[in-house]
Amino acid sequence: MTRSERGGPVKKCWYENGLDFACTQCGHCCKVEGFVWVDRSEIEAIAAHLGLSVDEFGRRYLRRVHRRYSLLEKPNLECVFWDDGCRIYSVRPTQCRTFPFWPDHLKSFAAWDDLSEECPGIGGPRHYTRTEIDELRRGRGQTRATRGSDGDDRGARSKP
């Protein structure tokens, strides 16, 4: 154990030695109820990718939730951009790029293990270091860091 600046013991992070994950492209994370948060720059990038104005994109694909925006869902709860694959993959939101390395999934081994029951990519061949995981957890990881061995991945949705 190391010591904090205040002199107290600091627990070692449970994923100190990294974690293994490689997306299987099953799409499960894109087919569940929840919010996919987008910021202004992501809205602009997706709108441009689709050849739409920001206003038109907003009318077709966004819902306002308090002071934030989320992508719409289809009636079956799939992400509006899921169609046997992500239609906006190259410009997908940060939330999608950083899955499964979200704070809720990383709070404990038990949380990570629970996620593995839904996500077949957990335990996959791509190894992530703690540094990479911490960057992704903070939403700052690079796209390449979240790709599976074939260079592709999918993003899951936060629960409402």
C-alpha atoms as a PDB file:
ATOM      1  CA  MET A   1       0.000   0.000   0.000  1.00  0.00           C
ATOM      2  CA  THR A   2       1.070   3.536  -0.686  1.00  0.00           C
ATOM      3  CA  ARG A   3       0.342   6.573   1.434  1.00  0.00           C
ATOM      4  CA  SER A   4      -1.675   9.600   0.453  1.00  0.00           C
ATOM      5  CA  GLU A   5      -0.375  13.124   0.816  1.00  0.00           C
ATOM      6  CA  ARG A   6      -2.233  13.310   4.145  1.00  0.00           C
ATOM      7  CA  GLY A   7      -0.376  10.308   5.434  1.00  0.00           C
ATOM      8  CA  GLY A   8      -3.253   7.823   5.344  1.00  0.00           C
ATOM      9  CA  PRO A   9      -3.196   4.515   3.495  1.00  0.00           C
ATOM     10  CA  VAL A  10      -4.414   4.460  -0.078  1.00  0.00           C
ATOM     11  CA  LYS A  11      -6.033   1.327  -1.468  1.00  0.00           C
ATOM     12  CA  LYS A  12      -4.623  -0.038  -4.653  1.00  0.00           C
ATOM     13  CA  CYS A  13      -7.030   0.365  -7.577  1.00  0.00           C
ATOM     14  CA  TRP A  14      -8.780  -2.937  -8.293  1.00  0.00           C
ATOM     15  CA  TYR A  15      -7.828  -2.681 -11.994  1.00  0.00           C
ATOM     16  CA  GLU A  16      -4.227  -1.637 -11.289  1.00  0.00           C
ATOM     17  CA  ASN A  17      -2.960  -4.318 -13.686  1.00  0.00           C
ATOM     18  CA  GLY A  18      -5.377  -3.318 -16.437  1.00  0.00           C
ATOM     19  CA  LEU A  19      -8.420  -4.954 -17.981  1.00  0.00           C
ATOM     20  CA  ASP A  20      -9.175  -6.933 -21.105  1.00  0.00           C
ATOM     21  CA  PHE A  21     -11.889  -5.882 -23.531  1.00  0.00           C
ATOM     22  CA  ALA A  22     -12.521  -6.192 -27.254  1.00  0.00           C
ATOM     23  CA  CYS A  23     -15.854  -5.344 -28.799  1.00  0.00           C
ATOM     24  CA  THR A  24     -17.627  -8.255 -30.470  1.00  0.00           C
ATOM     25  CA  GLN A  25     -19.989  -5.910 -32.355  1.00  0.00           C
ATOM     26  CA  CYS A  26     -23.020  -7.659 -30.895  1.00  0.00           C
ATOM     27  CA  GLY A  27     -24.797  -4.307 -30.540  1.00  0.00           C
ATOM     28  CA  HIS A  28     -26.310  -5.224 -27.184  1.00  0.00           C
ATOM     29  CA  CYS A  29     -25.131  -1.936 -25.695  1.00  0.00           C
ATOM     30  CA  CYS A  30     -26.900  -0.039 -28.508  1.00  0.00           C
ATOM     31  CA  LYS A  31     -30.186  -1.875 -28.019  1.00  0.00           C
ATOM     32  CA  VAL A  32     -31.097  -0.974 -24.458  1.00  0.00           C
ATOM     33  CA  GLU A  33     -33.076   1.860 -22.951  1.00  0.00           C
ATOM     34  CA  GLY A  34     -31.014   4.809 -21.819  1.00  0.00           C
ATOM     35  CA  PHE A  35     -29.551   8.151 -22.664  1.00  0.00           C
ATOM     36  CA  VAL A  36     -26.779   8.803 -25.173  1.00  0.00           C
ATOM     37  CA  TRP A  37     -25.618  12.262 -24.184  1.00  0.00           C
ATOM     38  CA  VAL A  38     -24.259  14.568 -26.866  1.00  0.00           C
ATOM     39  CA  ASP A  39     -22.654  17.974 -26.616  1.00  0.00           C
ATOM     40  CA  ARG A  40     -22.671  20.791 -29.160  1.00  0.00           C
ATOM     41  CA  SER A  41     -19.529  19.656 -30.992  1.00  0.00           C
ATOM     42  CA  GLU A  42     -20.860  16.098 -31.279  1.00  0.00           C
ATOM     43  CA  ILE A  43     -24.216  17.364 -32.537  1.00  0.00           C
ATOM     44  CA  GLU A  44     -22.454  19.442 -35.188  1.00  0.00           C
ATOM     45  CA  ALA A  45     -20.222  16.543 -36.265  1.00  0.00           C
ATOM     46  CA  ILE A  46     -23.095  14.066 -36.531  1.00  0.00           C
ATOM     47  CA  ALA A  47     -25.293  16.570 -38.376  1.00  0.00           C
ATOM     48  CA  ALA A  48     -22.504  17.262 -40.884  1.00  0.00           C
ATOM     49  CA  HIS A  49     -21.901  13.530 -41.314  1.00  0.00           C
ATOM     50  CA  LEU A  50     -25.586  13.069 -42.152  1.00  0.00           C
ATOM     51  CA  GLY A  51     -25.707  16.142 -44.407  1.00  0.00           C
ATOM     52  CA  LEU A  52     -28.192  17.925 -42.152  1.00  0.00           C
ATOM     53  CA  SER A  53     -28.303  21.335 -40.562  1.00  0.00           C
ATOM     54  CA  VAL A  54     -27.898  21.329 -36.794  1.00  0.00           C
ATOM     55  CA  ASP A  55     -31.530  22.436 -36.452  1.00  0.00           C
ATOM     56  CA  GLU A  56     -32.839  19.655 -38.699  1.00  0.00           C
ATOM     57  CA  PHE A  57     -30.668  17.096 -36.919  1.00  0.00           C
ATOM     58  CA  GLY A  58     -32.055  18.283 -33.590  1.00  0.00           C
ATOM     59  CA  ARG A  59     -35.655  17.976 -34.753  1.00  0.00           C
ATOM     60  CA  ARG A  60     -35.136  14.456 -36.106  1.00  0.00           C
ATOM     61  CA  TYR A  61     -32.735  12.850 -33.674  1.00  0.00           C
ATOM     62  CA  LEU A  62     -32.513  14.643 -30.312  1.00  0.00           C
ATOM     63  CA  ARG A  63     -34.530  14.932 -27.160  1.00  0.00           C
ATOM     64  CA  ARG A  64     -33.908  17.494 -24.480  1.00  0.00           C
ATOM     65  CA  VAL A  65     -33.517  16.133 -20.962  1.00  0.00           C
ATOM     66  CA  HIS A  66     -33.314  19.019 -18.528  1.00  0.00           C
ATOM     67  CA  ARG A  67     -30.324  21.041 -19.801  1.00  0.00           C
ATOM     68  CA  ARG A  68     -28.769  18.269 -21.886  1.00  0.00           C
ATOM     69  CA  TYR A  69     -29.459  16.502 -25.160  1.00  0.00           C
ATOM     70  CA  SER A  70     -29.694  12.783 -25.795  1.00  0.00           C
ATOM     71  CA  LEU A  71     -30.076  10.816 -29.012  1.00  0.00           C
ATOM     72  CA  LEU A  72     -33.542   9.426 -29.590  1.00  0.00           C
ATOM     73  CA  GLU A  73     -34.437   5.762 -29.338  1.00  0.00           C
ATOM     74  CA  LYS A  74     -36.475   3.652 -31.696  1.00  0.00           C
ATOM     75  CA  PRO A  75     -39.751   2.204 -30.326  1.00  0.00           C
ATOM     76  CA  ASN A  76     -37.881  -1.050 -29.595  1.00  0.00           C
ATOM     77  CA  LEU A  77     -35.398   0.990 -27.464  1.00  0.00           C
ATOM     78  CA  GLU A  78     -32.477   0.668 -29.895  1.00  0.00           C
ATOM     79  CA  CYS A  79     -30.399   3.742 -30.551  1.00  0.00           C
ATOM     80  CA  VAL A  80     -31.882   5.658 -33.461  1.00  0.00           C
ATOM     81  CA  PHE A  81     -28.592   5.160 -35.340  1.00  0.00           C
ATOM     82  CA  TRP A  82     -28.354   1.383 -34.845  1.00  0.00           C
ATOM     83  CA  ASP A  83     -29.143  -0.530 -38.041  1.00  0.00           C
ATOM     84  CA  ASP A  84     -27.227  -3.816 -37.838  1.00  0.00           C
ATOM     85  CA  GLY A  85     -24.307  -1.529 -37.074  1.00  0.00           C
ATOM     86  CA  CYS A  86     -23.737   2.075 -36.117  1.00  0.00           C
ATOM     87  CA  ARG A  87     -24.689   4.490 -38.910  1.00  0.00           C
ATOM     88  CA  ILE A  88     -22.636   7.281 -37.317  1.00  0.00           C
ATOM     89  CA  TYR A  89     -19.671   5.180 -36.205  1.00  0.00           C
ATOM     90  CA  SER A  90     -16.962   7.563 -37.428  1.00  0.00           C
ATOM     91  CA  VAL A  91     -18.539  10.463 -35.513  1.00  0.00           C
ATOM     92  CA  ARG A  92     -20.166   8.580 -32.623  1.00  0.00           C
ATOM     93  CA  PRO A  93     -20.420  10.404 -29.290  1.00  0.00           C
ATOM     94  CA  THR A  94     -17.734  10.227 -26.614  1.00  0.00           C
ATOM     95  CA  GLN A  95     -20.088   8.185 -24.466  1.00  0.00           C
ATOM     96  CA  CYS A  96     -20.085   5.477 -27.135  1.00  0.00           C
ATOM     97  CA  ARG A  97     -16.339   5.729 -27.750  1.00  0.00           C
ATOM     98  CA  THR A  98     -15.497   5.163 -24.098  1.00  0.00           C
ATOM     99  CA  PHE A  99     -17.760   2.197 -23.315  1.00  0.00           C
ATOM    100  CA  PRO A 100     -17.325   0.042 -21.202  1.00  0.00           C
ATOM    101  CA  PHE A 101     -14.838   2.166 -19.263  1.00  0.00           C
ATOM    102  CA  TRP A 102     -17.400   4.286 -17.437  1.00  0.00           C
ATOM    103  CA  PRO A 103     -17.140   5.174 -13.734  1.00  0.00           C
ATOM    104  CA  ASP A 104     -20.154   3.023 -12.782  1.00  0.00           C
ATOM    105  CA  HIS A 105     -18.611  -0.026 -14.429  1.00  0.00           C
ATOM    106  CA  LEU A 106     -15.196   0.617 -12.870  1.00  0.00           C
ATOM    107  CA  LYS A 107     -16.272   1.279  -9.290  1.00  0.00           C
ATOM    108  CA  SER A 108     -15.598  -2.326  -8.299  1.00  0.00           C
ATOM    109  CA  PHE A 109     -14.682  -5.712  -9.655  1.00  0.00           C
ATOM    110  CA  ALA A 110     -18.264  -6.792  -8.914  1.00  0.00           C
ATOM    111  CA  ALA A 111     -19.651  -4.027 -11.160  1.00  0.00           C
ATOM    112  CA  TRP A 112     -17.267  -5.028 -13.971  1.00  0.00           C
ATOM    113  CA  ASP A 113     -18.143  -8.682 -13.489  1.00  0.00           C
ATOM    114  CA  ASP A 114     -21.875  -7.886 -13.617  1.00  0.00           C
ATOM    115  CA  LEU A 115     -21.334  -6.046 -16.912  1.00  0.00           C
ATOM    116  CA  SER A 116     -19.586  -9.108 -18.343  1.00  0.00           C
ATOM    117  CA  GLU A 117     -22.916 -10.949 -18.181  1.00  0.00           C
ATOM    118  CA  GLU A 118     -24.325  -8.471 -20.732  1.00  0.00           C
ATOM    119  CA  CYS A 119     -21.202  -7.617 -22.716  1.00  0.00           C
ATOM    120  CA  PRO A 120     -19.356 -10.495 -24.390  1.00  0.00           C
ATOM    121  CA  GLY A 121     -16.393  -8.203 -25.095  1.00  0.00           C
ATOM    122  CA  ILE A 122     -15.373  -8.155 -21.428  1.00  0.00           C
ATOM    123  CA  GLY A 123     -12.331 -10.399 -21.101  1.00  0.00           C
ATOM    124  CA  GLY A 124     -11.543 -10.024 -24.815  1.00  0.00           C
ATOM    125  CA  PRO A 125      -8.028 -10.091 -26.250  1.00  0.00           C
ATOM    126  CA  ARG A 126      -7.282  -6.339 -26.157  1.00  0.00           C
ATOM    127  CA  HIS A 127      -5.482  -5.382 -22.919  1.00  0.00           C
ATOM    128  CA  TYR A 128      -5.932  -1.861 -21.539  1.00  0.00           C
ATOM    129  CA  THR A 129      -3.470  -0.423 -19.046  1.00  0.00           C
ATOM    130  CA  ARG A 130      -4.666   1.447 -15.991  1.00  0.00           C
ATOM    131  CA  THR A 131      -3.539   4.712 -17.612  1.00  0.00           C
ATOM    132  CA  GLU A 132      -5.615   4.013 -20.730  1.00  0.00           C
ATOM    133  CA  ILE A 133      -8.603   3.017 -18.610  1.00  0.00           C
ATOM    134  CA  ASP A 134      -8.387   6.156 -16.483  1.00  0.00           C
ATOM    135  CA  GLU A 135      -8.276   8.340 -19.601  1.00  0.00           C
ATOM    136  CA  LEU A 136     -11.291   6.554 -21.052  1.00  0.00           C
ATOM    137  CA  ARG A 137     -13.126   6.712 -17.720  1.00  0.00           C
ATOM    138  CA  ARG A 138     -12.710  10.471 -17.779  1.00  0.00           C
ATOM    139  CA  GLY A 139     -14.030  10.578 -21.347  1.00  0.00           C
ATOM    140  CA  ARG A 140     -10.716  11.612 -22.814  1.00  0.00           C
ATOM    141  CA  GLY A 141      -9.474   8.375 -24.299  1.00  0.00           C
ATOM    142  CA  GLN A 142      -8.509   8.175 -27.931  1.00  0.00           C
ATOM    143  CA  THR A 143     -10.763   6.382 -30.383  1.00  0.00           C
ATOM    144  CA  ARG A 144      -8.097   3.787 -31.157  1.00  0.00           C
ATOM    145  CA  ALA A 145      -8.014   2.840 -27.489  1.00  0.00           C
ATOM    146  CA  THR A 146     -11.620   1.663 -27.546  1.00  0.00           C
ATOM    147  CA  ARG A 147     -11.409  -0.380 -30.705  1.00  0.00           C
ATOM    148  CA  GLY A 148     -11.509  -4.114 -30.723  1.00  0.00           C
ATOM    149  CA  SER A 149      -8.890  -6.251 -32.399  1.00  0.00           C
ATOM    150  CA  ASP A 150     -10.620  -5.676 -35.736  1.00  0.00           C
ATOM    151  CA  GLY A 151     -10.626  -1.881 -35.258  1.00  0.00           C
ATOM    152  CA  ASP A 152     -14.322  -1.570 -34.485  1.00  0.00           C
ATOM    153  CA  ASP A 153     -16.428  -1.061 -31.396  1.00  0.00           C
ATOM    154  CA  ARG A 154     -19.851   0.045 -30.268  1.00  0.00           C
ATOM    155  CA  GLY A 155     -20.980   2.321 -27.494  1.00  0.00           C
ATOM    156  CA  ALA A 156     -23.483   1.486 -24.802  1.00  0.00           C
ATOM    157  CA  ARG A 157     -26.070   3.721 -23.306  1.00  0.00           C
ATOM    158  CA  SER A 158     -26.378   5.133 -19.836  1.00  0.00           C
ATOM    159  CA  LYS A 159     -29.427   4.075 -17.887  1.00  0.00           C
ATOM    160  CA  PRO A 160     -32.231   6.625 -17.462  1.00  0.00           C
END
